[in-house]
Protein backbone atom coordinates (compact mmCIF):
# COMPACT_ATOMS: atom_id res chain seq x y z
CA MET A 1 -15.68 -9.05 -8.71
CA ALA A 2 -16.10 -11.57 -5.68
CA VAL A 3 -12.76 -13.48 -6.74
CA GLY A 4 -11.49 -9.78 -7.26
CA PHE A 5 -11.86 -8.97 -3.50
CA VAL A 6 -10.46 -12.23 -2.76
CA LEU A 7 -7.17 -11.78 -4.15
CA ALA A 8 -7.36 -8.21 -2.72
CA ILE A 9 -7.63 -9.56 0.92
CA ILE A 10 -5.08 -12.12 0.61
CA ALA A 11 -2.57 -9.46 -0.91
CA ALA A 12 -3.52 -7.77 2.04
CA LEU A 13 -2.50 -10.47 4.54
CA CYS A 14 1.14 -10.80 2.64
CA SER A 15 1.23 -6.86 2.88
CA ALA A 16 0.59 -6.79 6.64
CA THR A 17 2.88 -9.46 7.36
CA ALA A 18 5.26 -7.71 5.06
CA ALA A 19 5.19 -4.73 7.10
CA ILE A 20 6.07 -5.98 10.16
CA LEU A 21 9.04 -8.06 8.81
CA GLN A 22 10.31 -4.93 7.04
CA SER A 23 10.00 -2.54 10.15
CA ILE A 24 12.15 -4.99 11.93
CA GLY A 25 14.68 -4.92 8.75
CA ALA A 26 14.81 -1.18 8.26
CA ARG A 27 15.78 -0.58 11.78
CA ARG A 28 19.07 -2.93 11.86
CA LEU A 29 20.42 -0.49 8.75
CA SER A 30 21.98 2.54 9.65
CA ALA A 31 20.17 5.50 8.00
CA THR A 32 21.25 7.28 4.62
CA ALA A 33 21.45 10.96 3.65
CA HIS A 34 20.67 10.11 0.28
CA LEU A 35 17.81 8.15 -1.36
CA ASP A 36 20.50 5.67 -2.54
CA PRO A 37 19.48 3.10 -4.87
CA ARG A 38 22.38 0.66 -2.85
CA LEU A 39 20.15 1.06 -0.33
CA LEU A 40 18.05 -2.08 -1.96
CA LEU A 41 21.31 -4.04 -2.01
CA ARG A 42 21.73 -3.70 1.37
CA LEU A 43 17.90 -4.33 2.25
CA VAL A 44 17.86 -7.61 0.42
CA ARG A 45 20.56 -8.99 2.67
CA ASN A 46 18.70 -8.10 5.42
CA GLY A 47 16.83 -11.33 6.58
CA PRO A 48 13.92 -10.18 7.72
CA TYR A 49 13.33 -7.37 4.91
CA ALA A 50 14.41 -9.66 2.46
CA ALA A 51 11.44 -11.60 3.27
CA GLY A 52 9.19 -8.81 3.50
CA LEU A 53 10.03 -8.05 0.00
CA VAL A 54 9.17 -11.67 -0.96
CA LEU A 55 5.60 -10.76 0.58
CA ASP A 56 5.32 -7.69 -0.96
CA GLY A 57 5.95 -9.47 -4.36
CA ALA A 58 3.15 -11.70 -4.05
CA SER A 59 1.07 -8.76 -2.72
CA SER A 60 2.12 -6.84 -5.71
CA LEU A 61 1.02 -9.79 -8.23
CA LEU A 62 -2.40 -10.19 -6.38
CA THR A 63 -3.15 -7.13 -6.54
CA PHE A 64 -2.15 -6.56 -10.21
CA THR A 65 -4.49 -9.43 -10.68
CA ALA A 66 -7.38 -7.88 -8.98
CA LEU A 67 -7.21 -4.58 -10.44
CA ARG A 68 -7.96 -6.42 -13.88
CA THR A 69 -11.24 -6.35 -12.70
CA LEU A 70 -12.07 -3.90 -9.51
CA PRO A 71 -11.50 -0.29 -9.33
CA ILE A 72 -8.66 1.13 -8.01
CA PHE A 73 -10.47 2.44 -4.90
CA ALA A 74 -11.50 -0.87 -3.95
CA VAL A 75 -8.11 -2.55 -3.91
CA GLN A 76 -6.56 0.34 -2.67
CA ALA A 77 -8.96 0.68 0.47
CA VAL A 78 -8.40 -3.10 1.01
CA GLY A 79 -5.01 -3.05 0.98
CA ALA A 80 -5.05 -0.01 3.44
CA ALA A 81 -6.95 -2.43 5.81
CA ASN A 82 -3.91 -4.80 6.32
CA LEU A 83 -3.12 -3.21 9.44
CA GLY A 84 -6.86 -4.20 11.05
CA MET A 85 -5.54 -7.89 10.36
CA VAL A 86 -2.17 -6.85 11.73
CA ALA A 87 -3.96 -5.87 15.02
CA LEU A 88 -6.08 -9.14 14.91
CA ILE A 89 -2.92 -11.42 14.46
CA ALA A 90 -1.36 -9.48 17.42
CA MET A 91 -4.35 -9.94 19.63
CA LEU A 92 -4.69 -13.58 18.60
CA VAL A 93 -0.95 -15.12 18.72
CA LEU A 94 1.09 -12.56 20.58
CA ARG A 95 -2.13 -11.54 23.27
CA VAL A 96 -2.03 -8.14 22.42
CA ARG A 97 -4.55 -6.19 24.27
CA LEU A 98 -6.50 -3.93 22.06
CA THR A 99 -7.96 -0.85 23.13
CA VAL A 100 -11.79 0.55 22.49
CA ARG A 101 -9.88 3.12 19.77
CA ASP A 102 -8.56 0.12 18.27
CA TRP A 103 -12.07 -2.54 18.07
CA THR A 104 -13.88 0.73 16.64
CA ALA A 105 -11.05 1.29 14.24
CA ILE A 106 -11.35 -2.42 13.34
CA ALA A 107 -15.21 -1.97 12.93
CA GLY A 108 -14.93 0.59 10.59
CA VAL A 109 -12.49 -1.11 8.50
CA ILE A 110 -14.69 -3.99 8.46
CA ALA A 111 -17.89 -1.87 7.38
CA GLY A 112 -15.72 0.04 5.04
CA LEU A 113 -14.90 -3.15 3.07
CA VAL A 114 -18.53 -4.14 3.00
CA LEU A 115 -19.56 -1.03 1.61
CA LEU A 116 -17.24 -1.54 -1.09
CA VAL A 117 -17.95 -4.51 -1.58
CA LEU A 118 -21.83 -3.76 -2.31
CA SER A 119 -20.81 -0.38 -4.32
CA ALA A 120 -18.23 -1.46 -6.74
CA ASN A 121 -18.80 -1.74 -10.10
CA SER A 122 -16.19 -4.30 -11.84
CA GLY A 123 -15.12 -4.37 -15.15
CA PRO A 124 -11.75 -2.75 -17.11
CA PRO A 125 -10.88 0.51 -17.05
CA GLY A 126 -12.23 2.72 -19.63
CA GLU A 127 -10.15 3.67 -22.77
CA VAL A 128 -7.95 6.05 -22.07
CA SER A 129 -5.55 7.74 -24.48
CA ALA A 130 -1.98 6.43 -24.87
CA ALA A 131 -0.68 9.62 -23.54
CA ALA A 132 -1.83 8.73 -19.95
CA GLY A 133 1.30 5.77 -19.50
CA TRP A 134 3.57 8.48 -20.86
CA GLY A 135 1.95 11.09 -18.04
CA LEU A 136 2.10 8.44 -15.20
CA LEU A 137 5.87 7.67 -16.24
CA ALA A 138 6.61 10.83 -16.14
CA ALA A 139 5.00 11.70 -12.95
CA VAL A 140 6.82 8.80 -11.34
CA VAL A 141 10.24 9.90 -12.55
CA SER A 142 9.54 13.64 -10.73
CA VAL A 143 8.94 11.90 -7.54
CA ALA A 144 11.93 9.76 -7.63
CA VAL A 145 14.23 12.52 -8.91
CA GLY A 146 12.39 14.97 -6.38
CA ALA A 147 13.03 12.24 -3.55
CA TYR A 148 16.30 11.79 -4.10
CA PHE A 149 17.73 15.41 -4.33
CA GLY A 150 15.18 16.41 -1.13
CA SER A 151 16.02 12.98 1.06
CA PRO A 152 18.50 14.87 2.91
CA ARG A 153 16.01 17.37 3.91
CA MET A 154 13.59 14.90 4.96
CA CYS A 155 14.37 14.79 8.83
CA GLY A 156 10.68 12.90 9.71
CA PRO A 157 9.15 9.86 8.56
CA ALA A 158 5.80 11.61 7.03
CA LEU A 159 6.97 13.11 4.20
CA PRO A 160 9.18 10.05 2.80
CA GLY A 161 5.94 8.05 3.93
CA VAL A 162 3.63 10.17 2.06
CA LEU A 163 5.93 9.77 -1.35
CA ALA A 164 6.03 6.35 -0.96
CA GLY A 165 2.21 6.17 -0.42
CA LEU A 166 2.50 7.93 -3.77
CA SER A 167 4.77 5.56 -5.55
CA PHE A 168 2.88 2.55 -4.66
CA GLY A 169 -0.38 4.00 -5.58
CA SER A 170 1.41 5.05 -8.76
CA ALA A 171 2.22 1.45 -9.34
CA ALA A 172 -1.48 0.67 -9.03
CA LEU A 173 -2.32 3.01 -11.68
CA GLY A 174 0.07 1.36 -14.06
CA ALA A 175 -1.42 -2.03 -13.19
CA ARG A 176 -5.15 -0.66 -13.85
CA LEU A 177 -3.73 0.71 -17.03
CA LEU A 178 -2.19 -2.58 -18.17
CA ALA A 179 -5.56 -4.29 -17.40
CA ARG A 180 -6.54 -3.99 -21.13
CA VAL A 181 -3.26 -5.29 -22.54
CA ASP A 182 -3.32 -8.96 -23.42
CA SER A 183 0.16 -9.39 -25.36
CA VAL A 184 3.64 -9.71 -24.21
CA GLY A 185 4.83 -7.37 -26.83
CA SER A 186 1.90 -4.65 -25.77
CA VAL A 187 3.00 -4.70 -22.17
CA LEU A 188 6.88 -3.91 -22.89
CA ALA A 189 5.76 -1.70 -25.06
CA ASN A 190 3.70 0.53 -23.06
CA PRO A 191 5.29 3.08 -21.08
CA ALA A 192 2.92 1.96 -18.01
CA THR A 193 5.00 -1.14 -17.59
CA TYR A 194 8.00 1.15 -16.56
CA ALA A 195 6.11 3.46 -14.44
CA VAL A 196 5.16 0.24 -12.20
CA VAL A 197 8.53 -0.91 -12.23
CA LEU A 198 10.07 2.24 -11.17
CA ALA A 199 7.32 3.31 -8.94
CA GLY A 200 7.67 0.09 -7.16
CA LEU A 201 11.23 0.40 -6.83
CA THR A 202 11.01 3.91 -5.51
CA GLY A 203 8.38 3.16 -3.00
CA VAL A 204 10.53 0.35 -1.24
CA LEU A 205 13.43 2.75 -0.97
CA LEU A 206 11.21 5.55 0.34
CA TYR A 207 9.16 3.51 2.83
CA ALA A 208 12.75 1.87 4.10
CA ALA A 209 13.61 5.64 4.58
CA ALA A 210 10.79 6.52 6.67
CA LEU A 211 11.37 3.65 8.62
CA GLN A 212 14.46 4.61 9.63
CA ARG A 213 13.84 8.26 10.17
CA GLY A 214 11.35 7.94 13.07
CA SER A 215 7.92 6.17 14.01
CA VAL A 216 6.70 3.22 12.34
CA THR A 217 3.30 4.52 13.21
CA VAL A 218 3.59 7.79 11.44
CA ALA A 219 5.27 6.10 8.15
CA SER A 220 2.39 4.01 7.86
CA ALA A 221 -0.03 6.23 7.97
CA SER A 222 1.22 8.66 5.96
CA ALA A 223 1.97 5.79 3.46
CA ILE A 224 -1.89 4.69 3.64
CA VAL A 225 -2.81 8.23 2.78
CA GLY A 226 -0.45 8.52 0.00
CA GLN A 227 -1.49 5.10 -1.54
CA THR A 228 -5.16 5.39 -1.59
CA VAL A 229 -6.45 8.79 -1.58
CA ALA A 230 -4.57 10.15 -4.85
CA PRO A 231 -4.75 6.75 -6.82
CA ALA A 232 -8.82 6.71 -5.84
CA LEU A 233 -9.40 10.20 -7.23
CA THR A 234 -7.17 9.51 -10.32
CA GLY A 235 -9.16 6.07 -11.08
CA TRP A 236 -12.32 7.86 -10.88
CA LEU A 237 -11.50 10.94 -12.79
CA LEU A 238 -9.18 9.68 -15.70
CA LEU A 239 -9.77 5.64 -15.44
CA GLY A 240 -13.74 5.32 -15.76
CA ASP A 241 -13.83 3.64 -12.16
CA ARG A 242 -17.09 3.90 -11.60
CA VAL A 243 -19.71 2.50 -8.84
CA ARG A 244 -23.16 0.74 -9.25
CA PRO A 245 -25.64 3.21 -10.12
CA GLY A 246 -27.33 4.98 -7.18
CA PHE A 247 -24.19 3.82 -4.47
CA THR A 248 -21.94 6.69 -5.21
CA PRO A 249 -22.65 7.63 -1.21
CA VAL A 250 -22.22 4.19 -0.36
CA ALA A 251 -18.87 3.73 -1.96
CA VAL A 252 -17.65 7.10 -0.46
CA LEU A 253 -18.66 6.35 3.00
CA GLY A 254 -16.91 3.17 2.81
CA PHE A 255 -13.89 4.38 1.50
CA ALA A 256 -14.06 6.51 4.13
CA PHE A 257 -14.53 4.13 6.74
CA ALA A 258 -11.61 1.75 5.36
CA VAL A 259 -9.05 4.31 4.89
CA THR A 260 -9.62 6.23 8.44
CA GLY A 261 -9.66 3.04 10.43
CA ALA A 262 -6.22 2.26 8.82
CA VAL A 263 -4.88 5.15 9.47
CA ALA A 264 -6.03 4.65 12.89
CA LEU A 265 -4.45 1.69 13.40
CA ALA A 266 -1.07 2.51 12.08
CA ARG A 267 0.24 1.92 15.41
CA HIS A 268 0.14 -1.96 14.94
CA ALA A 269 2.71 -1.54 12.08
CA GLN A 270 5.35 -1.64 15.09
CA PRO A 271 6.13 -5.15 15.68
CA HIS A 272 5.21 -6.18 18.91
CA ALA A 273 6.87 -8.23 21.69
CA PRO A 274 5.13 -11.30 23.11
CA ARG A 275 3.48 -11.11 26.61
CA ARG A 276 5.78 -12.32 29.02
CA THR A 277 4.32 -15.20 31.38
CA ALA A 278 4.57 -14.35 35.02
CA ASP A 279 7.31 -16.90 35.73
CA GLU A 280 9.04 -15.40 32.60
CA ARG A 281 9.56 -12.09 34.61
CA ARG A 282 11.05 -13.35 37.80
């Protein structure tokens, strides 16, 4: 279990750096009315965003590996904590001054992660029917189609942010479903594999759309809620994700602390400008 948490934390660090790079890159491109798949080609040609996508890929691989042994609620909560890491990096490297609220949120994230480490029960997911993979794929397709036709009416960042989070959470659910698959042929034949791919691409496009439509803070906070709450409930109810006996209240409290603290730190997803010295201001 310790290895799984280490992998999840490294994945969160990669995701934190990717979030900053992507927010820089997305704002260099003009917004699109529809959720146009061609936007992905434009993003790949954009240096900062492309670098962020590479880091997101590394984060996804580490996250999927962690999901083979850890319940989804723990891995997703650790992933949401990446904004706490961004805030600390900004303070140490860019000399950004953190407020009392920031420190309180960081303390909440750390406390939540400690409680999750203490309560999480390691192991693969429980046995589920083959229909679960098809159900997940159908849900991902529904979100993608709905987002494409509904995107012209998405005026702000909140809705595309939530949908991006749901897409990323669906990819994590697919990875958790694949935890019991141990051969390449079985992976290729499993509908959850295609749900992971489609959900990841849809999430990338929706998050870019959210960044283009308004506040990075709102986009990030919305995505955090989408990618943690719904997948955690699904893992608990359908995939057999459980906590150590007697630790359910500890797990619930830890999850709440980690996610609430991450949402409170969402403003740090906005790239920080380095503080200028007195000589540079003259």
